[in-house]
Amino acid sequence: MLEKKHIGKSTQSIWGGEQEHELYERSTQVPVVHSVSFGYKDIETWHKVALEESQ
């Protein structure tokens, strides 16, 4: 059995409003996605890059 431990303020700030299940069960937060945006001078340049016709 898991023993109940003191819950820190940082954990409470994330999970404090969750009433339907124990704090350690199931993720309820949106996962972090690391991505990069690229800008192009015009749509034609973007299109060529998308089709791997240019870099």
PDB file of N, CA and C in Angstrom:
ATOM      1  N   MET A   1       0.832  -1.175   0.000  1.00  0.00           N
ATOM      2  CA  MET A   1       0.000   0.000   0.000  1.00  0.00           C
ATOM      3  C   MET A   1       0.881   1.245   0.000  1.00  0.00           C
ATOM      4  N   LEU A   2       0.429   2.249  -0.659  1.00  0.00           N
ATOM      5  CA  LEU A   2       1.144   3.521  -0.636  1.00  0.00           C
ATOM      6  C   LEU A   2       0.799   4.260   0.648  1.00  0.00           C
ATOM      7  N   GLU A   3       1.834   4.781   1.297  1.00  0.00           N
ATOM      8  CA  GLU A   3       1.542   5.548   2.501  1.00  0.00           C
ATOM      9  C   GLU A   3       1.275   6.999   2.128  1.00  0.00           C
ATOM     10  N   LYS A   4       0.379   7.619   2.853  1.00  0.00           N
ATOM     11  CA  LYS A   4       0.033   9.018   2.583  1.00  0.00           C
ATOM     12  C   LYS A   4       1.176   9.903   3.063  1.00  0.00           C
ATOM     13  N   LYS A   5       1.600  10.814   2.198  1.00  0.00           N
ATOM     14  CA  LYS A   5       2.667  11.742   2.542  1.00  0.00           C
ATOM     15  C   LYS A   5       2.136  13.166   2.476  1.00  0.00           C
ATOM     16  N   HIS A   6       2.891  14.073   3.086  1.00  0.00           N
ATOM     17  CA  HIS A   6       2.551  15.494   3.015  1.00  0.00           C
ATOM     18  C   HIS A   6       2.648  15.943   1.562  1.00  0.00           C
ATOM     19  N   ILE A   7       1.665  16.681   1.099  1.00  0.00           N
ATOM     20  CA  ILE A   7       1.651  17.188  -0.271  1.00  0.00           C
ATOM     21  C   ILE A   7       2.176  18.617  -0.249  1.00  0.00           C
ATOM     22  N   GLY A   8       3.214  18.874  -1.051  1.00  0.00           N
ATOM     23  CA  GLY A   8       3.819  20.202  -1.101  1.00  0.00           C
ATOM     24  C   GLY A   8       2.942  21.216  -1.820  1.00  0.00           C
ATOM     25  N   LYS A   9       3.301  22.491  -1.655  1.00  0.00           N
ATOM     26  CA  LYS A   9       2.520  23.570  -2.261  1.00  0.00           C
ATOM     27  C   LYS A   9       2.535  23.500  -3.785  1.00  0.00           C
ATOM     28  N   SER A  10       3.673  23.110  -4.370  1.00  0.00           N
ATOM     29  CA  SER A  10       3.727  23.038  -5.835  1.00  0.00           C
ATOM     30  C   SER A  10       2.806  21.945  -6.370  1.00  0.00           C
ATOM     31  N   THR A  11       2.737  20.818  -5.678  1.00  0.00           N
ATOM     32  CA  THR A  11       1.834  19.736  -6.088  1.00  0.00           C
ATOM     33  C   THR A  11       0.384  20.168  -5.914  1.00  0.00           C
ATOM     34  N   GLN A  12       0.089  20.823  -4.808  1.00  0.00           N
ATOM     35  CA  GLN A  12      -1.277  21.302  -4.576  1.00  0.00           C
ATOM     36  C   GLN A  12      -1.699  22.321  -5.625  1.00  0.00           C
ATOM     37  N   SER A  13      -0.758  23.161  -6.069  1.00  0.00           N
ATOM     38  CA  SER A  13      -1.120  24.188  -7.051  1.00  0.00           C
ATOM     39  C   SER A  13      -1.534  23.572  -8.380  1.00  0.00           C
ATOM     40  N   ILE A  14      -0.987  22.408  -8.707  1.00  0.00           N
ATOM     41  CA  ILE A  14      -1.331  21.726  -9.960  1.00  0.00           C
ATOM     42  C   ILE A  14      -2.546  20.820  -9.786  1.00  0.00           C
ATOM     43  N   TRP A  15      -2.568  20.036  -8.717  1.00  0.00           N
ATOM     44  CA  TRP A  15      -3.584  18.999  -8.545  1.00  0.00           C
ATOM     45  C   TRP A  15      -4.681  19.358  -7.554  1.00  0.00           C
ATOM     46  N   GLY A  16      -4.604  20.498  -6.907  1.00  0.00           N
ATOM     47  CA  GLY A  16      -5.528  20.852  -5.829  1.00  0.00           C
ATOM     48  C   GLY A  16      -6.997  20.847  -6.211  1.00  0.00           C
ATOM     49  N   GLY A  17      -7.325  21.171  -7.443  1.00  0.00           N
ATOM     50  CA  GLY A  17      -8.719  21.228  -7.863  1.00  0.00           C
ATOM     51  C   GLY A  17      -9.281  19.910  -8.351  1.00  0.00           C
ATOM     52  N   GLU A  18      -8.454  18.891  -8.414  1.00  0.00           N
ATOM     53  CA  GLU A  18      -8.900  17.587  -8.914  1.00  0.00           C
ATOM     54  C   GLU A  18      -9.575  16.807  -7.793  1.00  0.00           C
ATOM     55  N   GLN A  19     -10.861  16.556  -7.929  1.00  0.00           N
ATOM     56  CA  GLN A  19     -11.627  15.888  -6.882  1.00  0.00           C
ATOM     57  C   GLN A  19     -12.004  14.450  -7.230  1.00  0.00           C
ATOM     58  N   GLU A  20     -11.934  14.075  -8.495  1.00  0.00           N
ATOM     59  CA  GLU A  20     -12.482  12.788  -8.925  1.00  0.00           C
ATOM     60  C   GLU A  20     -11.558  11.601  -8.703  1.00  0.00           C
ATOM     61  N   HIS A  21     -10.271  11.835  -8.470  1.00  0.00           N
ATOM     62  CA  HIS A  21      -9.347  10.725  -8.302  1.00  0.00           C
ATOM     63  C   HIS A  21      -8.170  11.154  -7.445  1.00  0.00           C
ATOM     64  N   GLU A  22      -7.403  10.177  -7.008  1.00  0.00           N
ATOM     65  CA  GLU A  22      -6.231  10.456  -6.191  1.00  0.00           C
ATOM     66  C   GLU A  22      -5.226  11.288  -6.967  1.00  0.00           C
ATOM     67  N   LEU A  23      -4.408  12.051  -6.251  1.00  0.00           N
ATOM     68  CA  LEU A  23      -3.440  12.940  -6.882  1.00  0.00           C
ATOM     69  C   LEU A  23      -2.437  12.208  -7.767  1.00  0.00           C
ATOM     70  N   TYR A  24      -2.111  10.972  -7.441  1.00  0.00           N
ATOM     71  CA  TYR A  24      -1.077  10.256  -8.178  1.00  0.00           C
ATOM     72  C   TYR A  24      -1.621   9.506  -9.397  1.00  0.00           C
ATOM     73  N   GLU A  25      -2.916   9.501  -9.615  1.00  0.00           N
ATOM     74  CA  GLU A  25      -3.508   8.774 -10.736  1.00  0.00           C
ATOM     75  C   GLU A  25      -3.683   9.663 -11.954  1.00  0.00           C
ATOM     76  N   ARG A  26      -3.537   9.100 -13.110  1.00  0.00           N
ATOM     77  CA  ARG A  26      -3.885   9.703 -14.398  1.00  0.00           C
ATOM     78  C   ARG A  26      -3.489  11.162 -14.550  1.00  0.00           C
ATOM     79  N   SER A  27      -2.923  11.477 -15.667  1.00  0.00           N
ATOM     80  CA  SER A  27      -2.560  12.854 -15.983  1.00  0.00           C
ATOM     81  C   SER A  27      -3.811  13.648 -16.338  1.00  0.00           C
ATOM     82  N   THR A  28      -3.884  14.866 -15.865  1.00  0.00           N
ATOM     83  CA  THR A  28      -5.008  15.730 -16.223  1.00  0.00           C
ATOM     84  C   THR A  28      -4.529  17.010 -16.886  1.00  0.00           C
ATOM     85  N   GLN A  29      -3.230  17.162 -16.994  1.00  0.00           N
ATOM     86  CA  GLN A  29      -2.658  18.379 -17.560  1.00  0.00           C
ATOM     87  C   GLN A  29      -2.288  18.152 -19.021  1.00  0.00           C
ATOM     88  N   VAL A  30      -2.341  19.200 -19.787  1.00  0.00           N
ATOM     89  CA  VAL A  30      -1.961  19.128 -21.196  1.00  0.00           C
ATOM     90  C   VAL A  30      -0.462  18.870 -21.281  1.00  0.00           C
ATOM     91  N   PRO A  31      -0.039  17.875 -22.062  1.00  0.00           N
ATOM     92  CA  PRO A  31       1.399  17.610 -22.172  1.00  0.00           C
ATOM     93  C   PRO A  31       2.119  18.757 -22.872  1.00  0.00           C
ATOM     94  N   VAL A  32       3.374  18.930 -22.525  1.00  0.00           N
ATOM     95  CA  VAL A  32       4.194  19.968 -23.146  1.00  0.00           C
ATOM     96  C   VAL A  32       4.720  19.445 -24.475  1.00  0.00           C
ATOM     97  N   VAL A  33       4.592  20.243 -25.509  1.00  0.00           N
ATOM     98  CA  VAL A  33       5.108  19.875 -26.824  1.00  0.00           C
ATOM     99  C   VAL A  33       6.186  20.880 -27.193  1.00  0.00           C
ATOM    100  N   HIS A  34       7.386  20.379 -27.427  1.00  0.00           N
ATOM    101  CA  HIS A  34       8.479  21.247 -27.840  1.00  0.00           C
ATOM    102  C   HIS A  34       8.503  21.288 -29.359  1.00  0.00           C
ATOM    103  N   SER A  35       8.377  22.464 -29.915  1.00  0.00           N
ATOM    104  CA  SER A  35       8.389  22.597 -31.365  1.00  0.00           C
ATOM    105  C   SER A  35       9.024  23.928 -31.739  1.00  0.00           C
ATOM    106  N   VAL A  36       9.278  24.086 -33.004  1.00  0.00           N
ATOM    107  CA  VAL A  36       9.905  25.302 -33.514  1.00  0.00           C
ATOM    108  C   VAL A  36       9.075  25.818 -34.673  1.00  0.00           C
ATOM    109  N   SER A  37       8.887  27.117 -34.709  1.00  0.00           N
ATOM    110  CA  SER A  37       8.190  27.740 -35.835  1.00  0.00           C
ATOM    111  C   SER A  37       9.222  28.294 -36.804  1.00  0.00           C
ATOM    112  N   PHE A  38       8.953  28.155 -38.068  1.00  0.00           N
ATOM    113  CA  PHE A  38       9.832  28.700 -39.092  1.00  0.00           C
ATOM    114  C   PHE A  38       9.060  29.741 -39.884  1.00  0.00           C
ATOM    115  N   GLY A  39       9.705  30.855 -40.168  1.00  0.00           N
ATOM    116  CA  GLY A  39       9.077  31.906 -40.960  1.00  0.00           C
ATOM    117  C   GLY A  39       9.664  31.934 -42.363  1.00  0.00           C
ATOM    118  N   TYR A  40       8.829  32.198 -43.331  1.00  0.00           N
ATOM    119  CA  TYR A  40       9.263  32.287 -44.722  1.00  0.00           C
ATOM    120  C   TYR A  40       8.806  33.618 -45.282  1.00  0.00           C
ATOM    121  N   LYS A  41       9.568  34.126 -46.254  1.00  0.00           N
ATOM    122  CA  LYS A  41       9.260  35.457 -46.788  1.00  0.00           C
ATOM    123  C   LYS A  41       7.959  35.489 -47.573  1.00  0.00           C
ATOM    124  N   ASP A  42       7.565  34.354 -48.148  1.00  0.00           N
ATOM    125  CA  ASP A  42       6.302  34.306 -48.880  1.00  0.00           C
ATOM    126  C   ASP A  42       5.808  32.862 -48.957  1.00  0.00           C
ATOM    127  N   ILE A  43       4.591  32.692 -49.419  1.00  0.00           N
ATOM    128  CA  ILE A  43       3.970  31.367 -49.464  1.00  0.00           C
ATOM    129  C   ILE A  43       4.641  30.449 -50.481  1.00  0.00           C
ATOM    130  N   GLU A  44       5.158  31.027 -51.558  1.00  0.00           N
ATOM    131  CA  GLU A  44       5.828  30.210 -52.577  1.00  0.00           C
ATOM    132  C   GLU A  44       7.084  29.557 -51.998  1.00  0.00           C
ATOM    133  N   THR A  45       7.850  30.312 -51.204  1.00  0.00           N
ATOM    134  CA  THR A  45       9.050  29.751 -50.565  1.00  0.00           C
ATOM    135  C   THR A  45       8.657  28.641 -49.603  1.00  0.00           C
ATOM    136  N   TRP A  46       7.636  28.885 -48.786  1.00  0.00           N
ATOM    137  CA  TRP A  46       7.165  27.862 -47.858  1.00  0.00           C
ATOM    138  C   TRP A  46       6.747  26.597 -48.612  1.00  0.00           C
ATOM    139  N   HIS A  47       6.033  26.771 -49.711  1.00  0.00           N
ATOM    140  CA  HIS A  47       5.538  25.641 -50.484  1.00  0.00           C
ATOM    141  C   HIS A  47       6.693  24.819 -51.041  1.00  0.00           C
ATOM    142  N   LYS A  48       7.732  25.475 -51.558  1.00  0.00           N
ATOM    143  CA  LYS A  48       8.901  24.758 -52.082  1.00  0.00           C
ATOM    144  C   LYS A  48       9.609  23.973 -50.981  1.00  0.00           C
ATOM    145  N   VAL A  49       9.729  24.573 -49.814  1.00  0.00           N
ATOM    146  CA  VAL A  49      10.358  23.875 -48.691  1.00  0.00           C
ATOM    147  C   VAL A  49       9.496  22.686 -48.264  1.00  0.00           C
ATOM    148  N   ALA A  50       8.192  22.877 -48.216  1.00  0.00           N
ATOM    149  CA  ALA A  50       7.284  21.797 -47.817  1.00  0.00           C
ATOM    150  C   ALA A  50       7.367  20.611 -48.772  1.00  0.00           C
ATOM    151  N   LEU A  51       7.600  20.896 -50.052  1.00  0.00           N
ATOM    152  CA  LEU A  51       7.711  19.837 -51.061  1.00  0.00           C
ATOM    153  C   LEU A  51       9.146  19.352 -51.236  1.00  0.00           C
ATOM    154  N   GLU A  52      10.040  19.838 -50.367  1.00  0.00           N
ATOM    155  CA  GLU A  52      11.462  19.487 -50.403  1.00  0.00           C
ATOM    156  C   GLU A  52      12.111  19.850 -51.730  1.00  0.00           C
ATOM    157  N   GLU A  53      11.645  20.915 -52.355  1.00  0.00           N
ATOM    158  CA  GLU A  53      12.246  21.416 -53.586  1.00  0.00           C
ATOM    159  C   GLU A  53      13.278  22.496 -53.280  1.00  0.00           C
ATOM    160  N   SER A  54      13.320  22.947 -52.041  1.00  0.00           N
ATOM    161  CA  SER A  54      14.233  23.997 -51.613  1.00  0.00           C
ATOM    162  C   SER A  54      14.494  23.816 -50.124  1.00  0.00           C
ATOM    163  N   GLN A  55      15.457  24.610 -49.608  1.00  0.00           N
ATOM    164  CA  GLN A  55      15.743  24.570 -48.165  1.00  0.00           C
ATOM    165  C   GLN A  55      15.480  25.904 -47.546  1.00  0.00           C
TER     166      GLN A  55
END
